[in-house]
Amino acid sequence: MAAFLAERGPGRQARNRARWGRHVAAQADSGLSAAAYCRRHGLNPKCFYRWRRILAQGKRDTPGAGAPDVNAAQPLFAEVRVSQAPP
């Protein structure tokens, strides 16, 4: 079976997520564009972009991984005091 095809069978989602997660991380570290990385590794660029989006969304939905903590909200405004008038 070609390397770019998704795995089949029990646990395939976890294996696919892990596999594409490694590719997404490796591409970010490689300094190559996503298209160049896909060419070099024989990956389907559409699949790569899709998995990159899925994995990024999963990180945003995971508590502690960039998701805002509603209970620890910071004020949106800060008090400013002018010490002396401009000349």
N, C-alpha and C. Protein backbone atom coordinates (compact mmCIF):
# COMPACT_ATOMS: atom_id res chain seq x y z
N MET A 1 0.85 -1.17 0.00
CA MET A 1 0.00 0.00 0.00
C MET A 1 0.89 1.24 0.00
N ALA A 2 0.51 2.26 -0.73
CA ALA A 2 1.30 3.49 -0.83
C ALA A 2 1.37 4.19 0.53
N ALA A 3 2.47 4.90 0.76
CA ALA A 3 2.72 5.55 2.04
C ALA A 3 1.69 6.63 2.37
N PHE A 4 1.09 7.26 1.36
CA PHE A 4 0.19 8.37 1.63
C PHE A 4 -1.23 7.92 1.94
N LEU A 5 -1.55 6.65 1.77
CA LEU A 5 -2.90 6.18 2.04
C LEU A 5 -3.10 6.01 3.55
N ALA A 6 -4.31 6.26 4.00
CA ALA A 6 -4.64 6.13 5.42
C ALA A 6 -4.63 4.65 5.81
N GLU A 7 -4.29 4.38 7.06
CA GLU A 7 -4.32 3.02 7.56
C GLU A 7 -5.76 2.58 7.77
N ARG A 8 -5.95 1.29 7.86
CA ARG A 8 -7.29 0.72 8.06
C ARG A 8 -7.24 -0.15 9.32
N GLY A 9 -8.42 -0.41 9.91
CA GLY A 9 -8.50 -1.33 11.04
C GLY A 9 -8.66 -0.63 12.37
N PRO A 10 -8.75 -1.43 13.45
CA PRO A 10 -8.93 -0.87 14.79
C PRO A 10 -7.78 0.06 15.18
N GLY A 11 -8.13 1.16 15.79
CA GLY A 11 -7.12 2.10 16.24
C GLY A 11 -6.52 2.95 15.15
N ARG A 12 -7.09 2.90 13.96
CA ARG A 12 -6.49 3.62 12.84
C ARG A 12 -6.50 5.12 13.03
N GLN A 13 -7.54 5.65 13.68
CA GLN A 13 -7.59 7.10 13.88
C GLN A 13 -6.43 7.58 14.74
N ALA A 14 -6.15 6.85 15.80
CA ALA A 14 -5.03 7.23 16.67
C ALA A 14 -3.71 7.10 15.93
N ARG A 15 -3.55 6.03 15.15
CA ARG A 15 -2.30 5.85 14.40
C ARG A 15 -2.14 6.93 13.34
N ASN A 16 -3.24 7.24 12.63
CA ASN A 16 -3.18 8.29 11.61
C ASN A 16 -2.88 9.64 12.23
N ARG A 17 -3.52 9.93 13.37
CA ARG A 17 -3.28 11.20 14.06
C ARG A 17 -1.81 11.30 14.48
N ALA A 18 -1.26 10.22 15.01
CA ALA A 18 0.14 10.22 15.43
C ALA A 18 1.07 10.36 14.22
N ARG A 19 0.78 9.63 13.15
CA ARG A 19 1.62 9.69 11.95
C ARG A 19 1.63 11.09 11.35
N TRP A 20 0.45 11.66 11.18
CA TRP A 20 0.38 12.99 10.59
C TRP A 20 0.93 14.04 11.55
N GLY A 21 0.76 13.82 12.84
CA GLY A 21 1.33 14.75 13.82
C GLY A 21 2.84 14.80 13.70
N ARG A 22 3.46 13.63 13.48
CA ARG A 22 4.92 13.60 13.29
C ARG A 22 5.31 14.35 12.03
N HIS A 23 4.55 14.15 10.95
CA HIS A 23 4.86 14.85 9.70
C HIS A 23 4.69 16.37 9.85
N VAL A 24 3.62 16.79 10.50
CA VAL A 24 3.38 18.22 10.67
C VAL A 24 4.49 18.86 11.49
N ALA A 25 4.90 18.19 12.56
CA ALA A 25 5.99 18.71 13.40
C ALA A 25 7.31 18.72 12.64
N ALA A 26 7.57 17.66 11.89
CA ALA A 26 8.83 17.57 11.13
C ALA A 26 8.88 18.65 10.05
N GLN A 27 7.76 18.92 9.40
CA GLN A 27 7.73 19.97 8.39
C GLN A 27 8.02 21.32 9.01
N ALA A 28 7.44 21.60 10.17
CA ALA A 28 7.68 22.88 10.84
C ALA A 28 9.15 23.04 11.21
N ASP A 29 9.79 21.95 11.62
CA ASP A 29 11.21 22.00 12.01
C ASP A 29 12.15 21.99 10.82
N SER A 30 11.67 21.55 9.66
CA SER A 30 12.55 21.35 8.51
C SER A 30 12.95 22.65 7.81
N GLY A 31 12.13 23.68 7.95
CA GLY A 31 12.40 24.91 7.22
C GLY A 31 11.89 24.87 5.79
N LEU A 32 11.33 23.74 5.38
CA LEU A 32 10.77 23.60 4.03
C LEU A 32 9.33 24.09 4.02
N SER A 33 8.87 24.52 2.88
CA SER A 33 7.45 24.82 2.74
C SER A 33 6.69 23.51 2.84
N ALA A 34 5.41 23.60 3.11
CA ALA A 34 4.59 22.39 3.20
C ALA A 34 4.61 21.63 1.88
N ALA A 35 4.53 22.35 0.77
CA ALA A 35 4.53 21.69 -0.55
C ALA A 35 5.85 20.97 -0.80
N ALA A 36 6.97 21.61 -0.47
CA ALA A 36 8.28 20.99 -0.67
C ALA A 36 8.45 19.77 0.23
N TYR A 37 8.00 19.88 1.47
CA TYR A 37 8.08 18.75 2.40
C TYR A 37 7.27 17.57 1.87
N CYS A 38 6.06 17.84 1.38
CA CYS A 38 5.22 16.77 0.85
C CYS A 38 5.86 16.10 -0.36
N ARG A 39 6.45 16.89 -1.25
CA ARG A 39 7.14 16.31 -2.41
C ARG A 39 8.29 15.42 -1.95
N ARG A 40 9.07 15.90 -1.01
CA ARG A 40 10.24 15.16 -0.55
C ARG A 40 9.84 13.84 0.11
N HIS A 41 8.70 13.80 0.79
CA HIS A 41 8.30 12.61 1.54
C HIS A 41 7.18 11.83 0.87
N GLY A 42 6.80 12.22 -0.33
CA GLY A 42 5.79 11.48 -1.08
C GLY A 42 4.40 11.55 -0.46
N LEU A 43 4.08 12.70 0.13
CA LEU A 43 2.78 12.88 0.77
C LEU A 43 1.84 13.66 -0.13
N ASN A 44 0.56 13.39 0.01
CA ASN A 44 -0.45 14.14 -0.70
C ASN A 44 -0.60 15.49 0.00
N PRO A 45 -0.32 16.60 -0.68
CA PRO A 45 -0.40 17.92 -0.03
C PRO A 45 -1.78 18.23 0.54
N LYS A 46 -2.85 17.82 -0.14
CA LYS A 46 -4.20 18.09 0.37
C LYS A 46 -4.41 17.39 1.71
N CYS A 47 -3.93 16.16 1.81
CA CYS A 47 -4.04 15.43 3.09
C CYS A 47 -3.20 16.11 4.17
N PHE A 48 -2.01 16.55 3.79
CA PHE A 48 -1.14 17.22 4.76
C PHE A 48 -1.81 18.47 5.32
N TYR A 49 -2.32 19.32 4.43
CA TYR A 49 -2.96 20.56 4.88
C TYR A 49 -4.18 20.26 5.75
N ARG A 50 -4.94 19.25 5.35
CA ARG A 50 -6.13 18.89 6.13
C ARG A 50 -5.73 18.44 7.53
N TRP A 51 -4.73 17.55 7.63
CA TRP A 51 -4.29 17.07 8.94
C TRP A 51 -3.66 18.18 9.76
N ARG A 52 -2.96 19.07 9.13
CA ARG A 52 -2.37 20.19 9.86
C ARG A 52 -3.48 21.04 10.50
N ARG A 53 -4.56 21.27 9.75
CA ARG A 53 -5.69 22.02 10.27
C ARG A 53 -6.38 21.26 11.40
N ILE A 54 -6.60 19.96 11.22
CA ILE A 54 -7.25 19.13 12.24
C ILE A 54 -6.43 19.13 13.53
N LEU A 55 -5.12 18.94 13.39
CA LEU A 55 -4.26 18.88 14.57
C LEU A 55 -4.17 20.23 15.27
N ALA A 56 -4.16 21.30 14.52
CA ALA A 56 -4.12 22.64 15.13
C ALA A 56 -5.42 22.90 15.88
N GLN A 57 -6.53 22.49 15.32
CA GLN A 57 -7.82 22.68 15.99
C GLN A 57 -7.88 21.84 17.26
N GLY A 58 -7.35 20.64 17.23
CA GLY A 58 -7.33 19.79 18.41
C GLY A 58 -6.53 20.40 19.54
N LYS A 59 -5.43 21.07 19.21
CA LYS A 59 -4.62 21.73 20.24
C LYS A 59 -5.38 22.89 20.85
N ARG A 60 -6.16 23.60 20.06
CA ARG A 60 -6.93 24.73 20.60
C ARG A 60 -8.04 24.23 21.52
N ASP A 61 -8.57 23.03 21.23
CA ASP A 61 -9.66 22.49 22.04
C ASP A 61 -9.17 21.82 23.31
N THR A 62 -7.88 21.54 23.42
CA THR A 62 -7.32 20.87 24.58
C THR A 62 -7.02 21.89 25.67
N PRO A 63 -7.57 21.71 26.89
CA PRO A 63 -7.28 22.66 27.96
C PRO A 63 -5.78 22.71 28.24
N GLY A 64 -5.28 23.92 28.44
CA GLY A 64 -3.87 24.09 28.74
C GLY A 64 -2.99 24.15 27.51
N ALA A 65 -3.56 24.00 26.34
CA ALA A 65 -2.76 24.03 25.12
C ALA A 65 -3.17 25.22 24.27
N GLY A 66 -3.14 26.39 24.88
CA GLY A 66 -3.48 27.59 24.15
C GLY A 66 -4.92 28.01 24.28
N ALA A 67 -5.75 27.17 24.87
CA ALA A 67 -7.15 27.53 25.06
C ALA A 67 -7.25 28.52 26.21
N PRO A 68 -8.02 29.58 26.05
CA PRO A 68 -8.13 30.55 27.14
C PRO A 68 -8.85 29.96 28.34
N ASP A 69 -8.36 30.27 29.52
CA ASP A 69 -8.98 29.84 30.75
C ASP A 69 -9.93 30.93 31.20
N VAL A 70 -11.22 30.65 31.16
CA VAL A 70 -12.24 31.66 31.47
C VAL A 70 -12.10 32.15 32.90
N ASN A 71 -11.72 31.27 33.81
CA ASN A 71 -11.60 31.64 35.22
C ASN A 71 -10.40 32.55 35.48
N ALA A 72 -9.42 32.54 34.63
CA ALA A 72 -8.22 33.34 34.83
C ALA A 72 -8.18 34.51 33.85
N ALA A 73 -9.35 35.02 33.49
CA ALA A 73 -9.42 36.11 32.52
C ALA A 73 -8.75 37.37 33.06
N GLN A 74 -8.00 38.03 32.21
CA GLN A 74 -7.34 39.27 32.56
C GLN A 74 -8.24 40.43 32.16
N PRO A 75 -8.13 41.55 32.86
CA PRO A 75 -8.95 42.70 32.47
C PRO A 75 -8.60 43.16 31.06
N LEU A 76 -9.58 43.68 30.37
CA LEU A 76 -9.36 44.13 29.00
C LEU A 76 -8.83 45.56 28.95
N PHE A 77 -9.00 46.29 30.05
CA PHE A 77 -8.55 47.68 30.10
C PHE A 77 -7.60 47.87 31.27
N ALA A 78 -6.69 48.79 31.12
CA ALA A 78 -5.76 49.12 32.20
C ALA A 78 -5.93 50.59 32.55
N GLU A 79 -5.83 50.88 33.84
CA GLU A 79 -5.92 52.27 34.28
C GLU A 79 -4.62 52.99 33.92
N VAL A 80 -4.77 54.18 33.36
CA VAL A 80 -3.60 54.98 32.97
C VAL A 80 -3.69 56.30 33.72
N ARG A 81 -2.58 56.70 34.34
CA ARG A 81 -2.52 57.97 35.06
C ARG A 81 -1.43 58.82 34.42
N VAL A 82 -1.75 60.07 34.13
CA VAL A 82 -0.78 60.98 33.55
C VAL A 82 -0.15 61.75 34.70
N SER A 83 1.19 61.67 34.78
CA SER A 83 1.88 62.31 35.91
C SER A 83 2.04 63.80 35.70
N GLN A 84 2.21 64.25 34.49
CA GLN A 84 2.29 65.69 34.22
C GLN A 84 1.76 65.97 32.83
N ALA A 85 1.24 67.14 32.67
CA ALA A 85 0.66 67.53 31.38
C ALA A 85 1.78 67.74 30.36
N PRO A 86 1.53 67.44 29.11
CA PRO A 86 2.53 67.68 28.07
C PRO A 86 2.77 69.19 27.91
N PRO A 87 3.95 69.60 27.49
CA PRO A 87 4.27 71.03 27.34
C PRO A 87 3.46 71.71 26.26
